[in-house]
């Protein structure tokens, strides 16, 4: 029977090889991350705000800090909850994009594409040609607000009208659409 005991140097070399093969402790590892969002479209009444919840998953073996940017119509006031965001290795980080429907938006009006970018810190200050980025598009639309006001027309001569049985009289009404889209008064 032969028993072999490995010497410490041999164990160290074998352990180092395993770490490199599996990418553990590799300081030159490239960033690896994904970004998702809870929904890509939403709607709200004019003047109201909707939120989109974004998740960054750091699949790499080091903590990474991501610079965030949003591009889109400024009149819809897209605002990020934080920027930048740091996410540990094999962990997730959350941030919110809030979008406010303009108070004068017409029914069905769209925000257009709101493009959210996340750039790894490996990109540096110049992100124009960086390959370590993720981006997603969301969009918001304005709901129709129904608000019709009706009032009878009167002047000094028509402040009061008395009717006898069987009698018909013609009256004028003012109908005002205070909503943000076409409506039918019936």
C-alpha atoms as a PDB file:
ATOM      1  CA  UNK A   1       0.000   0.000   0.000  1.00  0.00           C
ATOM      2  CA  UNK A   2       1.351   3.353  -1.003  1.00  0.00           C
ATOM      3  CA  UNK A   3       0.200   6.632   0.589  1.00  0.00           C
ATOM      4  CA  UNK A   4       1.193   9.815  -1.118  1.00  0.00           C
ATOM      5  CA  UNK A   5       1.152  13.125   0.664  1.00  0.00           C
ATOM      6  CA  UNK A   6       1.127  16.207  -1.537  1.00  0.00           C
ATOM      7  CA  UNK A   7       3.624  18.840  -0.621  1.00  0.00           C
ATOM      8  CA  UNK A   8       2.368  22.365   0.198  1.00  0.00           C
ATOM      9  CA  UNK A   9       3.799  23.912  -2.968  1.00  0.00           C
ATOM     10  CA  UNK A  10       1.900  21.442  -5.130  1.00  0.00           C
ATOM     11  CA  UNK A  11      -1.358  22.195  -3.250  1.00  0.00           C
ATOM     12  CA  UNK A  12      -0.827  25.955  -3.685  1.00  0.00           C
ATOM     13  CA  UNK A  13      -0.234  25.649  -7.447  1.00  0.00           C
ATOM     14  CA  UNK A  14      -3.303  23.429  -7.858  1.00  0.00           C
ATOM     15  CA  UNK A  15      -5.481  25.853  -5.865  1.00  0.00           C
ATOM     16  CA  UNK A  16      -4.221  28.841  -7.869  1.00  0.00           C
ATOM     17  CA  UNK A  17      -5.012  27.011 -11.111  1.00  0.00           C
ATOM     18  CA  UNK A  18      -8.580  26.299  -9.940  1.00  0.00           C
ATOM     19  CA  UNK A  19      -9.081  29.972  -9.022  1.00  0.00           C
ATOM     20  CA  UNK A  20      -7.915  31.192 -12.426  1.00  0.00           C
ATOM     21  CA  UNK A  21      -9.934  28.593 -14.359  1.00  0.00           C
ATOM     22  CA  UNK A  22     -13.130  29.549 -12.544  1.00  0.00           C
ATOM     23  CA  UNK A  23     -12.394  33.300 -12.656  1.00  0.00           C
ATOM     24  CA  UNK A  24     -12.209  33.701  -8.893  1.00  0.00           C
ATOM     25  CA  UNK A  25      -9.861  36.477  -7.871  1.00  0.00           C
ATOM     26  CA  UNK A  26      -9.086  37.491 -11.432  1.00  0.00           C
ATOM     27  CA  UNK A  27      -8.406  41.218 -11.135  1.00  0.00           C
ATOM     28  CA  UNK A  28      -8.494  41.615 -14.905  1.00  0.00           C
ATOM     29  CA  UNK A  29     -12.038  40.250 -15.258  1.00  0.00           C
ATOM     30  CA  UNK A  30     -14.327  42.169 -17.574  1.00  0.00           C
ATOM     31  CA  UNK A  31     -17.590  43.628 -16.237  1.00  0.00           C
ATOM     32  CA  UNK A  32     -20.603  41.379 -16.677  1.00  0.00           C
ATOM     33  CA  UNK A  33     -24.017  42.785 -15.844  1.00  0.00           C
ATOM     34  CA  UNK A  34     -27.657  42.801 -16.918  1.00  0.00           C
ATOM     35  CA  UNK A  35     -30.398  45.393 -16.496  1.00  0.00           C
ATOM     36  CA  UNK A  36     -34.147  44.699 -16.349  1.00  0.00           C
ATOM     37  CA  UNK A  37     -37.248  46.806 -15.719  1.00  0.00           C
ATOM     38  CA  UNK A  38     -40.581  45.854 -14.126  1.00  0.00           C
ATOM     39  CA  UNK A  39     -42.628  47.192 -17.091  1.00  0.00           C
ATOM     40  CA  UNK A  40     -41.885  48.982 -20.346  1.00  0.00           C
ATOM     41  CA  UNK A  41     -45.071  51.043 -20.678  1.00  0.00           C
ATOM     42  CA  UNK A  42     -47.439  52.816 -18.316  1.00  0.00           C
ATOM     43  CA  UNK A  43     -50.004  55.608 -18.342  1.00  0.00           C
ATOM     44  CA  UNK A  44     -51.197  58.297 -15.957  1.00  0.00           C
ATOM     45  CA  UNK A  45     -53.397  61.355 -15.784  1.00  0.00           C
ATOM     46  CA  UNK A  46     -51.846  64.711 -16.691  1.00  0.00           C
ATOM     47  CA  UNK A  47     -49.776  66.034 -13.787  1.00  0.00           C
ATOM     48  CA  UNK A  48     -49.316  62.570 -12.235  1.00  0.00           C
ATOM     49  CA  UNK A  49     -46.074  60.575 -11.987  1.00  0.00           C
ATOM     50  CA  UNK A  50     -45.375  56.930 -12.837  1.00  0.00           C
ATOM     51  CA  UNK A  51     -42.408  54.907 -11.606  1.00  0.00           C
ATOM     52  CA  UNK A  52     -40.384  52.231 -13.386  1.00  0.00           C
ATOM     53  CA  UNK A  53     -38.310  49.912 -11.158  1.00  0.00           C
ATOM     54  CA  UNK A  54     -34.954  48.943 -12.713  1.00  0.00           C
ATOM     55  CA  UNK A  55     -32.691  46.133 -11.506  1.00  0.00           C
ATOM     56  CA  UNK A  56     -28.982  45.838 -12.264  1.00  0.00           C
ATOM     57  CA  UNK A  57     -27.556  42.334 -11.751  1.00  0.00           C
ATOM     58  CA  UNK A  58     -23.784  42.256 -11.342  1.00  0.00           C
ATOM     59  CA  UNK A  59     -22.736  38.841 -12.681  1.00  0.00           C
ATOM     60  CA  UNK A  60     -19.045  39.692 -12.345  1.00  0.00           C
ATOM     61  CA  UNK A  61     -16.645  38.775  -9.587  1.00  0.00           C
ATOM     62  CA  UNK A  62     -16.031  42.331  -8.347  1.00  0.00           C
ATOM     63  CA  UNK A  63     -18.136  45.191  -7.055  1.00  0.00           C
ATOM     64  CA  UNK A  64     -18.914  47.590  -9.894  1.00  0.00           C
ATOM     65  CA  UNK A  65     -20.265  51.133  -9.926  1.00  0.00           C
ATOM     66  CA  UNK A  66     -22.643  52.022 -12.741  1.00  0.00           C
ATOM     67  CA  UNK A  67     -23.214  55.526 -14.096  1.00  0.00           C
ATOM     68  CA  UNK A  68     -26.816  56.026 -15.149  1.00  0.00           C
ATOM     69  CA  UNK A  69     -28.258  58.318 -17.816  1.00  0.00           C
ATOM     70  CA  UNK A  70     -31.760  58.895 -19.165  1.00  0.00           C
ATOM     71  CA  UNK A  71     -32.532  60.409 -22.554  1.00  0.00           C
ATOM     72  CA  UNK A  72     -35.968  61.576 -23.600  1.00  0.00           C
ATOM     73  CA  UNK A  73     -38.415  64.462 -23.776  1.00  0.00           C
ATOM     74  CA  UNK A  74     -37.556  66.944 -20.991  1.00  0.00           C
ATOM     75  CA  UNK A  75     -41.219  68.043 -20.785  1.00  0.00           C
ATOM     76  CA  UNK A  76     -42.020  64.607 -19.278  1.00  0.00           C
ATOM     77  CA  UNK A  77     -39.453  65.263 -16.516  1.00  0.00           C
ATOM     78  CA  UNK A  78     -37.679  61.860 -16.374  1.00  0.00           C
ATOM     79  CA  UNK A  79     -35.791  61.632 -13.049  1.00  0.00           C
ATOM     80  CA  UNK A  80     -33.521  58.842 -11.744  1.00  0.00           C
ATOM     81  CA  UNK A  81     -33.701  58.002  -8.031  1.00  0.00           C
ATOM     82  CA  UNK A  82     -29.923  57.703  -7.777  1.00  0.00           C
ATOM     83  CA  UNK A  83     -26.815  57.998  -9.860  1.00  0.00           C
ATOM     84  CA  UNK A  84     -24.351  56.312  -9.730  1.00  0.00           C
ATOM     85  CA  UNK A  85     -25.236  52.944  -8.184  1.00  0.00           C
ATOM     86  CA  UNK A  86     -22.730  50.430  -6.743  1.00  0.00           C
ATOM     87  CA  UNK A  87     -23.549  46.724  -6.871  1.00  0.00           C
ATOM     88  CA  UNK A  88     -21.539  43.951  -5.239  1.00  0.00           C
ATOM     89  CA  UNK A  89     -20.363  40.837  -7.022  1.00  0.00           C
ATOM     90  CA  UNK A  90     -23.216  38.392  -7.722  1.00  0.00           C
ATOM     91  CA  UNK A  91     -25.682  40.922  -6.251  1.00  0.00           C
ATOM     92  CA  UNK A  92     -28.429  43.229  -7.521  1.00  0.00           C
ATOM     93  CA  UNK A  93     -29.085  46.935  -7.176  1.00  0.00           C
ATOM     94  CA  UNK A  94     -32.367  48.798  -7.651  1.00  0.00           C
ATOM     95  CA  UNK A  95     -33.157  52.281  -8.899  1.00  0.00           C
ATOM     96  CA  UNK A  96     -36.334  54.058 -10.001  1.00  0.00           C
ATOM     97  CA  UNK A  97     -37.090  56.177 -13.057  1.00  0.00           C
ATOM     98  CA  UNK A  98     -39.961  58.586 -12.315  1.00  0.00           C
ATOM     99  CA  UNK A  99     -41.777  60.194 -15.252  1.00  0.00           C
ATOM    100  CA  UNK A 100     -44.362  62.971 -14.864  1.00  0.00           C
ATOM    101  CA  UNK A 101     -47.071  63.402 -17.499  1.00  0.00           C
ATOM    102  CA  UNK A 102     -47.202  67.107 -18.460  1.00  0.00           C
ATOM    103  CA  UNK A 103     -50.243  68.849 -16.962  1.00  0.00           C
ATOM    104  CA  UNK A 104     -51.302  70.065 -20.432  1.00  0.00           C
ATOM    105  CA  UNK A 105     -50.941  66.642 -22.151  1.00  0.00           C
ATOM    106  CA  UNK A 106     -53.734  65.634 -24.513  1.00  0.00           C
ATOM    107  CA  UNK A 107     -55.453  62.268 -24.182  1.00  0.00           C
ATOM    108  CA  UNK A 108     -53.238  59.517 -25.596  1.00  0.00           C
ATOM    109  CA  UNK A 109     -50.186  61.771 -25.931  1.00  0.00           C
ATOM    110  CA  UNK A 110     -46.978  59.726 -25.701  1.00  0.00           C
ATOM    111  CA  UNK A 111     -43.677  60.547 -24.011  1.00  0.00           C
ATOM    112  CA  UNK A 112     -41.738  59.022 -26.864  1.00  0.00           C
ATOM    113  CA  UNK A 113     -38.837  56.699 -26.100  1.00  0.00           C
ATOM    114  CA  UNK A 114     -37.216  57.241 -22.715  1.00  0.00           C
ATOM    115  CA  UNK A 115     -33.828  55.544 -22.993  1.00  0.00           C
ATOM    116  CA  UNK A 116     -32.109  54.502 -19.752  1.00  0.00           C
ATOM    117  CA  UNK A 117     -28.373  53.695 -19.945  1.00  0.00           C
ATOM    118  CA  UNK A 118     -26.150  51.997 -17.352  1.00  0.00           C
ATOM    119  CA  UNK A 119     -22.383  52.182 -17.874  1.00  0.00           C
ATOM    120  CA  UNK A 120     -19.806  50.155 -15.921  1.00  0.00           C
ATOM    121  CA  UNK A 121     -17.099  52.158 -14.182  1.00  0.00           C
ATOM    122  CA  UNK A 122     -14.710  50.423 -16.599  1.00  0.00           C
ATOM    123  CA  UNK A 123     -16.015  52.808 -19.285  1.00  0.00           C
ATOM    124  CA  UNK A 124     -14.437  55.817 -17.593  1.00  0.00           C
ATOM    125  CA  UNK A 125     -15.598  59.334 -18.403  1.00  0.00           C
ATOM    126  CA  UNK A 126     -15.987  58.776 -22.154  1.00  0.00           C
ATOM    127  CA  UNK A 127     -18.914  56.361 -22.563  1.00  0.00           C
ATOM    128  CA  UNK A 128     -19.403  56.965 -26.302  1.00  0.00           C
ATOM    129  CA  UNK A 129     -17.609  53.781 -27.416  1.00  0.00           C
ATOM    130  CA  UNK A 130     -17.842  51.746 -24.230  1.00  0.00           C
ATOM    131  CA  UNK A 131     -18.796  48.107 -24.657  1.00  0.00           C
ATOM    132  CA  UNK A 132     -19.730  47.692 -20.985  1.00  0.00           C
ATOM    133  CA  UNK A 133     -23.199  49.168 -21.057  1.00  0.00           C
ATOM    134  CA  UNK A 134     -26.825  48.125 -20.966  1.00  0.00           C
ATOM    135  CA  UNK A 135     -29.868  50.134 -22.031  1.00  0.00           C
ATOM    136  CA  UNK A 136     -33.633  49.795 -21.939  1.00  0.00           C
ATOM    137  CA  UNK A 137     -36.516  51.828 -23.343  1.00  0.00           C
ATOM    138  CA  UNK A 138     -39.731  52.736 -21.520  1.00  0.00           C
ATOM    139  CA  UNK A 139     -42.687  54.864 -22.592  1.00  0.00           C
ATOM    140  CA  UNK A 140     -45.559  56.693 -20.894  1.00  0.00           C
ATOM    141  CA  UNK A 141     -48.915  57.859 -22.253  1.00  0.00           C
ATOM    142  CA  UNK A 142     -51.446  60.374 -20.954  1.00  0.00           C
ATOM    143  CA  UNK A 143     -54.836  59.031 -19.871  1.00  0.00           C
ATOM    144  CA  UNK A 144     -57.998  60.776 -21.009  1.00  0.00           C
ATOM    145  CA  UNK A 145     -59.563  62.905 -18.322  1.00  0.00           C
ATOM    146  CA  UNK A 146     -63.362  63.160 -18.684  1.00  0.00           C
ATOM    147  CA  UNK A 147     -64.695  66.430 -17.272  1.00  0.00           C
ATOM    148  CA  UNK A 148     -67.800  67.977 -18.826  1.00  0.00           C
ATOM    149  CA  UNK A 149     -69.600  70.871 -17.211  1.00  0.00           C
ATOM    150  CA  UNK A 150     -73.134  71.877 -18.208  1.00  0.00           C
ATOM    151  CA  UNK A 151     -74.941  75.031 -17.125  1.00  0.00           C
ATOM    152  CA  UNK A 152     -78.030  76.732 -18.400  1.00  0.00           C
ATOM    153  CA  UNK A 153     -77.699  80.013 -20.229  1.00  0.00           C
ATOM    154  CA  UNK A 154     -79.436  82.916 -18.587  1.00  0.00           C
ATOM    155  CA  UNK A 155     -79.585  86.646 -18.714  1.00  0.00           C
ATOM    156  CA  UNK A 156     -81.803  89.207 -16.989  1.00  0.00           C
ATOM    157  CA  UNK A 157     -84.830  88.262 -19.079  1.00  0.00           C
ATOM    158  CA  UNK A 158     -84.462  84.484 -18.622  1.00  0.00           C
ATOM    159  CA  UNK A 159     -83.489  84.260 -14.955  1.00  0.00           C
ATOM    160  CA  UNK A 160     -86.689  82.383 -14.179  1.00  0.00           C
ATOM    161  CA  UNK A 161     -89.107  80.539 -16.428  1.00  0.00           C
ATOM    162  CA  UNK A 162     -92.560  79.338 -15.502  1.00  0.00           C
ATOM    163  CA  UNK A 163     -94.197  76.570 -17.460  1.00  0.00           C
ATOM    164  CA  UNK A 164     -97.829  75.571 -17.647  1.00  0.00           C
ATOM    165  CA  UNK A 165     -98.888  72.003 -18.212  1.00  0.00           C
ATOM    166  CA  UNK A 166     -98.349  70.962 -21.840  1.00  0.00           C
ATOM    167  CA  UNK A 167     -96.235  73.988 -22.601  1.00  0.00           C
ATOM    168  CA  UNK A 168     -92.811  73.729 -24.271  1.00  0.00           C
ATOM    169  CA  UNK A 169     -90.035  76.260 -24.038  1.00  0.00           C
ATOM    170  CA  UNK A 170     -86.646  76.410 -25.643  1.00  0.00           C
ATOM    171  CA  UNK A 171     -83.659  77.015 -23.356  1.00  0.00           C
ATOM    172  CA  UNK A 172     -79.966  77.409 -24.066  1.00  0.00           C
ATOM    173  CA  UNK A 173     -77.228  75.486 -22.262  1.00  0.00           C
ATOM    174  CA  UNK A 174     -73.482  76.037 -22.107  1.00  0.00           C
ATOM    175  CA  UNK A 175     -71.512  72.794 -22.241  1.00  0.00           C
ATOM    176  CA  UNK A 176     -67.778  73.045 -21.471  1.00  0.00           C
ATOM    177  CA  UNK A 177     -65.268  70.241 -21.957  1.00  0.00           C
ATOM    178  CA  UNK A 178     -62.659  70.713 -19.197  1.00  0.00           C
ATOM    179  CA  UNK A 179     -61.011  67.374 -20.024  1.00  0.00           C
ATOM    180  CA  UNK A 180     -57.984  66.710 -22.177  1.00  0.00           C
ATOM    181  CA  UNK A 181     -59.681  64.964 -25.118  1.00  0.00           C
ATOM    182  CA  UNK A 182     -62.830  64.827 -27.196  1.00  0.00           C
ATOM    183  CA  UNK A 183     -65.999  63.820 -25.385  1.00  0.00           C
ATOM    184  CA  UNK A 184     -69.721  63.419 -26.059  1.00  0.00           C
ATOM    185  CA  UNK A 185     -72.404  65.183 -24.055  1.00  0.00           C
ATOM    186  CA  UNK A 186     -75.711  63.445 -24.297  1.00  0.00           C
END
